[in-house]
């Protein structure tokens, strides 16, 4: 999965304690080695290796939250096709 700047993720209950009990995290940057992020509700910021981020995604400790614009675009495309 591609980790893009501006992507928002839901943090699972099992690992919230490692992220200041934040509900979400927003990817600030990804240089291919390190992912920098901002925690939701102004609970801080940090960084981690890309490999660890992928591990958290694989274990479903982080879940992608689609942005509203992509949801609208998907709905529009389906209506245009049908």
Protein backbone atom coordinates (compact mmCIF):
# COMPACT_ATOMS: atom_id res chain seq x y z
CA UNK A 1 0.00 0.00 0.00
CA UNK A 2 1.25 3.43 -0.94
CA UNK A 3 1.67 5.77 2.04
CA UNK A 4 0.78 9.24 0.77
CA UNK A 5 1.13 12.62 2.40
CA UNK A 6 -2.22 13.81 3.79
CA UNK A 7 -3.61 10.30 4.30
CA UNK A 8 -5.52 9.78 7.54
CA UNK A 9 -5.50 6.54 9.55
CA UNK A 10 -7.62 5.23 12.44
CA UNK A 11 -5.50 3.91 15.34
CA UNK A 12 -6.76 0.65 16.87
CA UNK A 13 -7.59 0.37 20.56
CA UNK A 14 -4.73 -2.09 21.11
CA UNK A 15 -1.97 0.38 20.22
CA UNK A 16 -3.54 3.73 21.20
CA UNK A 17 -1.38 3.82 24.33
CA UNK A 18 1.74 4.08 22.17
CA UNK A 19 0.28 7.13 20.41
CA UNK A 20 -0.84 9.29 23.38
CA UNK A 21 -4.33 7.74 23.20
CA UNK A 22 -4.99 9.50 19.89
CA UNK A 23 -7.83 8.22 17.70
CA UNK A 24 -6.23 9.12 14.37
CA UNK A 25 -2.96 9.98 12.69
CA UNK A 26 -2.30 12.03 9.56
CA UNK A 27 0.74 11.35 7.37
CA UNK A 28 2.78 14.53 7.14
CA UNK A 29 5.55 13.20 4.89
CA UNK A 30 7.09 10.01 3.55
CA UNK A 31 10.62 10.10 2.15
CA UNK A 32 10.75 6.36 1.44
CA UNK A 33 12.66 5.62 4.65
CA UNK A 34 10.72 7.44 7.37
CA UNK A 35 7.05 8.36 7.74
CA UNK A 36 6.33 11.54 9.71
CA UNK A 37 2.86 11.88 11.20
CA UNK A 38 0.64 14.16 13.26
CA UNK A 39 -1.68 12.66 15.88
CA UNK A 40 -5.34 13.66 16.03
CA UNK A 41 -6.75 16.02 18.66
CA UNK A 42 -3.38 17.82 18.93
CA UNK A 43 -1.91 14.88 20.85
CA UNK A 44 1.52 15.18 19.27
CA UNK A 45 3.59 14.13 16.31
CA UNK A 46 6.31 11.66 15.49
CA UNK A 47 7.99 9.48 12.93
CA UNK A 48 8.69 5.81 12.30
CA UNK A 49 10.42 3.67 9.68
CA UNK A 50 8.30 2.90 6.61
CA UNK A 51 8.73 -0.84 7.32
CA UNK A 52 7.13 -0.46 10.76
CA UNK A 53 4.28 1.58 9.32
CA UNK A 54 3.61 -1.22 6.80
CA UNK A 55 3.70 -3.73 9.68
CA UNK A 56 1.03 -1.74 11.57
CA UNK A 57 -1.11 -1.62 8.43
CA UNK A 58 -0.71 -5.37 7.88
CA UNK A 59 -1.72 -6.14 11.48
CA UNK A 60 -4.72 -3.76 11.08
CA UNK A 61 -3.46 -1.59 13.91
CA UNK A 62 -3.85 1.29 11.47
CA UNK A 63 -6.86 1.53 9.16
CA UNK A 64 -7.04 3.92 6.23
CA UNK A 65 -9.81 6.53 6.52
CA UNK A 66 -10.89 7.54 3.01
CA UNK A 67 -11.25 11.27 2.54
CA UNK A 68 -14.64 12.68 1.55
CA UNK A 69 -13.44 13.86 -1.83
CA UNK A 70 -12.38 10.36 -2.92
CA UNK A 71 -15.74 8.99 -1.76
CA UNK A 72 -17.56 11.64 -3.79
CA UNK A 73 -15.43 10.94 -6.86
CA UNK A 74 -16.17 7.19 -6.58
CA UNK A 75 -19.92 7.85 -6.29
CA UNK A 76 -19.83 10.21 -9.27
CA UNK A 77 -17.93 7.71 -11.44
CA UNK A 78 -20.36 4.90 -10.60
CA UNK A 79 -23.35 7.13 -11.49
CA UNK A 80 -21.73 8.15 -14.77
CA UNK A 81 -21.03 4.50 -15.69
CA UNK A 82 -24.56 3.27 -14.89
